[in-house]
Amino acid sequence: MKFTTLGAPLLVAALLALAGCSTPTVVTLQNGTQYLTEDMPKTKTEDGFYEFKDISGAKVRVRADEVATVRKED
């Protein structure tokens, strides 16, 4: 079989499956600042920080006591 006949639909299915793995999350700080993340942030690290990447790809590190809520985006 040709790649386009069998490969293209499989490629599309794989990409859709990968897109479904992320869990968009909103991290709200005590001062009201909100970060939209592509995935659930790592829980508190040993040194007391949350680490995540926002939707622009920037790495963000926030002290745990500054975080008000972490919830899935609606």
N, C-alpha and C. Protein backbone atom coordinates (compact mmCIF):
# COMPACT_ATOMS: atom_id res chain seq x y z
N MET A 1 0.83 -1.18 0.00
CA MET A 1 0.00 0.00 0.00
C MET A 1 0.88 1.25 0.00
N LYS A 2 0.33 2.29 -0.51
CA LYS A 2 1.05 3.54 -0.53
C LYS A 2 0.95 4.23 0.83
N PHE A 3 1.93 5.06 1.13
CA PHE A 3 1.93 5.78 2.40
C PHE A 3 0.69 6.66 2.54
N THR A 4 0.32 7.34 1.48
CA THR A 4 -0.82 8.26 1.58
C THR A 4 -2.12 7.52 1.85
N THR A 5 -2.24 6.30 1.41
CA THR A 5 -3.46 5.54 1.61
C THR A 5 -3.60 5.07 3.06
N LEU A 6 -2.52 4.58 3.62
CA LEU A 6 -2.58 4.03 4.97
C LEU A 6 -1.94 4.96 6.00
N GLY A 7 -0.85 5.60 5.64
CA GLY A 7 -0.08 6.40 6.59
C GLY A 7 -0.74 7.69 7.01
N ALA A 8 -1.36 8.37 6.09
CA ALA A 8 -1.96 9.67 6.42
C ALA A 8 -3.05 9.55 7.49
N PRO A 9 -4.00 8.62 7.36
CA PRO A 9 -5.01 8.50 8.43
C PRO A 9 -4.41 8.08 9.77
N LEU A 10 -3.37 7.24 9.74
CA LEU A 10 -2.74 6.85 10.99
C LEU A 10 -2.01 8.03 11.64
N LEU A 11 -1.38 8.86 10.83
CA LEU A 11 -0.69 10.03 11.34
C LEU A 11 -1.68 11.00 11.98
N VAL A 12 -2.80 11.22 11.33
CA VAL A 12 -3.83 12.11 11.87
C VAL A 12 -4.36 11.56 13.19
N ALA A 13 -4.59 10.27 13.27
CA ALA A 13 -5.10 9.64 14.50
C ALA A 13 -4.07 9.77 15.63
N ALA A 14 -2.80 9.61 15.32
CA ALA A 14 -1.76 9.73 16.33
C ALA A 14 -1.67 11.16 16.86
N LEU A 15 -1.75 12.13 15.98
CA LEU A 15 -1.70 13.53 16.41
C LEU A 15 -2.90 13.90 17.28
N LEU A 16 -4.06 13.41 16.94
CA LEU A 16 -5.25 13.68 17.75
C LEU A 16 -5.13 13.03 19.12
N ALA A 17 -4.56 11.85 19.17
CA ALA A 17 -4.38 11.16 20.45
C ALA A 17 -3.41 11.93 21.34
N LEU A 18 -2.34 12.45 20.76
CA LEU A 18 -1.37 13.22 21.54
C LEU A 18 -1.97 14.54 22.03
N ALA A 19 -2.78 15.15 21.21
CA ALA A 19 -3.41 16.41 21.61
C ALA A 19 -4.37 16.19 22.78
N GLY A 20 -4.96 15.03 22.86
CA GLY A 20 -5.89 14.73 23.93
C GLY A 20 -5.22 14.43 25.26
N CYS A 21 -3.91 14.27 25.29
CA CYS A 21 -3.20 13.93 26.51
C CYS A 21 -2.96 15.14 27.41
N SER A 22 -2.97 16.32 26.87
CA SER A 22 -2.69 17.48 27.70
C SER A 22 -3.94 17.90 28.47
N THR A 23 -3.73 18.51 29.62
CA THR A 23 -4.82 18.98 30.45
C THR A 23 -4.61 20.47 30.69
N PRO A 24 -5.24 21.34 29.89
CA PRO A 24 -5.07 22.77 30.11
C PRO A 24 -5.47 23.15 31.54
N THR A 25 -4.62 23.93 32.19
CA THR A 25 -4.80 24.25 33.59
C THR A 25 -4.63 25.74 33.82
N VAL A 26 -5.38 26.29 34.77
CA VAL A 26 -5.24 27.69 35.15
C VAL A 26 -4.63 27.72 36.55
N VAL A 27 -3.49 28.40 36.67
CA VAL A 27 -2.83 28.60 37.96
C VAL A 27 -3.08 30.05 38.36
N THR A 28 -3.77 30.24 39.48
CA THR A 28 -4.08 31.58 39.96
C THR A 28 -3.24 31.88 41.20
N LEU A 29 -2.57 33.03 41.18
CA LEU A 29 -1.74 33.44 42.31
C LEU A 29 -2.56 34.26 43.30
N GLN A 30 -2.02 34.46 44.49
CA GLN A 30 -2.69 35.23 45.54
C GLN A 30 -2.98 36.67 45.09
N ASN A 31 -2.14 37.23 44.20
CA ASN A 31 -2.33 38.61 43.76
C ASN A 31 -3.28 38.72 42.56
N GLY A 32 -3.87 37.59 42.14
CA GLY A 32 -4.83 37.60 41.04
C GLY A 32 -4.26 37.26 39.68
N THR A 33 -2.94 37.20 39.56
CA THR A 33 -2.32 36.84 38.29
C THR A 33 -2.70 35.41 37.93
N GLN A 34 -3.04 35.20 36.66
CA GLN A 34 -3.40 33.86 36.21
C GLN A 34 -2.46 33.42 35.09
N TYR A 35 -2.06 32.17 35.15
CA TYR A 35 -1.25 31.55 34.10
C TYR A 35 -2.05 30.42 33.50
N LEU A 36 -2.12 30.38 32.17
CA LEU A 36 -2.75 29.26 31.47
C LEU A 36 -1.63 28.34 31.03
N THR A 37 -1.70 27.09 31.45
CA THR A 37 -0.66 26.12 31.13
C THR A 37 -1.19 25.06 30.18
N GLU A 38 -0.28 24.40 29.48
CA GLU A 38 -0.68 23.34 28.57
C GLU A 38 -1.01 22.06 29.32
N ASP A 39 -0.42 21.88 30.48
CA ASP A 39 -0.59 20.65 31.23
C ASP A 39 -0.57 20.97 32.73
N MET A 40 -0.98 20.01 33.54
CA MET A 40 -1.00 20.19 34.98
C MET A 40 0.43 20.45 35.47
N PRO A 41 0.64 21.49 36.27
CA PRO A 41 2.00 21.78 36.74
C PRO A 41 2.51 20.71 37.69
N LYS A 42 3.83 20.63 37.77
CA LYS A 42 4.42 19.72 38.74
C LYS A 42 4.02 20.17 40.13
N THR A 43 3.78 19.19 41.00
CA THR A 43 3.44 19.57 42.36
C THR A 43 4.65 20.22 43.01
N LYS A 44 4.46 20.68 44.19
CA LYS A 44 5.52 21.40 44.88
C LYS A 44 6.84 20.63 44.83
N THR A 45 7.90 21.34 44.49
CA THR A 45 9.22 20.73 44.50
C THR A 45 9.76 20.73 45.93
N GLU A 46 10.90 20.10 46.11
CA GLU A 46 11.48 20.01 47.45
C GLU A 46 11.78 21.38 48.04
N ASP A 47 12.10 22.34 47.17
CA ASP A 47 12.42 23.68 47.67
C ASP A 47 11.19 24.59 47.78
N GLY A 48 9.98 24.03 47.59
CA GLY A 48 8.75 24.78 47.83
C GLY A 48 8.25 25.62 46.67
N PHE A 49 8.50 25.19 45.44
CA PHE A 49 8.05 25.92 44.25
C PHE A 49 7.17 25.05 43.37
N TYR A 50 6.28 25.69 42.63
CA TYR A 50 5.57 25.04 41.53
C TYR A 50 6.33 25.39 40.26
N GLU A 51 6.48 24.42 39.36
CA GLU A 51 7.16 24.66 38.09
C GLU A 51 6.24 24.23 36.96
N PHE A 52 6.11 25.11 35.94
CA PHE A 52 5.28 24.79 34.79
C PHE A 52 5.67 25.67 33.63
N LYS A 53 5.18 25.33 32.44
CA LYS A 53 5.35 26.16 31.25
C LYS A 53 4.00 26.75 30.90
N ASP A 54 3.97 28.07 30.63
CA ASP A 54 2.72 28.67 30.23
C ASP A 54 2.48 28.37 28.74
N ILE A 55 1.36 28.83 28.21
CA ILE A 55 1.00 28.45 26.84
C ILE A 55 1.94 29.04 25.80
N SER A 56 2.72 30.07 26.18
CA SER A 56 3.69 30.62 25.23
C SER A 56 5.00 29.84 25.26
N GLY A 57 5.12 28.88 26.19
CA GLY A 57 6.32 28.07 26.29
C GLY A 57 7.34 28.57 27.29
N ALA A 58 7.03 29.66 27.99
CA ALA A 58 7.95 30.21 28.98
C ALA A 58 7.89 29.38 30.26
N LYS A 59 9.07 29.07 30.81
CA LYS A 59 9.14 28.31 32.05
C LYS A 59 8.85 29.26 33.21
N VAL A 60 7.92 28.85 34.08
CA VAL A 60 7.51 29.68 35.21
C VAL A 60 7.77 28.88 36.49
N ARG A 61 8.32 29.59 37.47
CA ARG A 61 8.60 28.99 38.77
C ARG A 61 8.03 29.94 39.83
N VAL A 62 7.08 29.43 40.63
CA VAL A 62 6.36 30.28 41.59
C VAL A 62 6.43 29.61 42.96
N ARG A 63 6.67 30.44 43.99
CA ARG A 63 6.65 29.90 45.35
C ARG A 63 5.27 29.34 45.66
N ALA A 64 5.23 28.21 46.34
CA ALA A 64 3.96 27.53 46.62
C ALA A 64 3.02 28.39 47.45
N ASP A 65 3.55 29.21 48.35
CA ASP A 65 2.66 30.02 49.18
C ASP A 65 2.05 31.19 48.41
N GLU A 66 2.50 31.45 47.18
CA GLU A 66 1.91 32.49 46.34
C GLU A 66 0.76 31.95 45.48
N VAL A 67 0.61 30.63 45.41
CA VAL A 67 -0.42 30.01 44.57
C VAL A 67 -1.72 29.91 45.35
N ALA A 68 -2.79 30.47 44.77
CA ALA A 68 -4.11 30.39 45.40
C ALA A 68 -4.84 29.13 44.95
N THR A 69 -4.92 28.90 43.63
CA THR A 69 -5.63 27.72 43.11
C THR A 69 -4.92 27.17 41.88
N VAL A 70 -5.11 25.88 41.66
CA VAL A 70 -4.69 25.20 40.44
C VAL A 70 -5.89 24.37 40.01
N ARG A 71 -6.46 24.71 38.85
CA ARG A 71 -7.66 23.99 38.40
C ARG A 71 -7.62 23.76 36.89
N LYS A 72 -8.35 22.74 36.48
CA LYS A 72 -8.47 22.48 35.04
C LYS A 72 -9.25 23.60 34.38
N GLU A 73 -8.83 23.95 33.17
CA GLU A 73 -9.56 24.99 32.44
C GLU A 73 -10.90 24.45 31.99
N ASP A 74 -11.93 25.29 32.08
CA ASP A 74 -13.28 24.87 31.65
C ASP A 74 -13.41 24.89 30.16
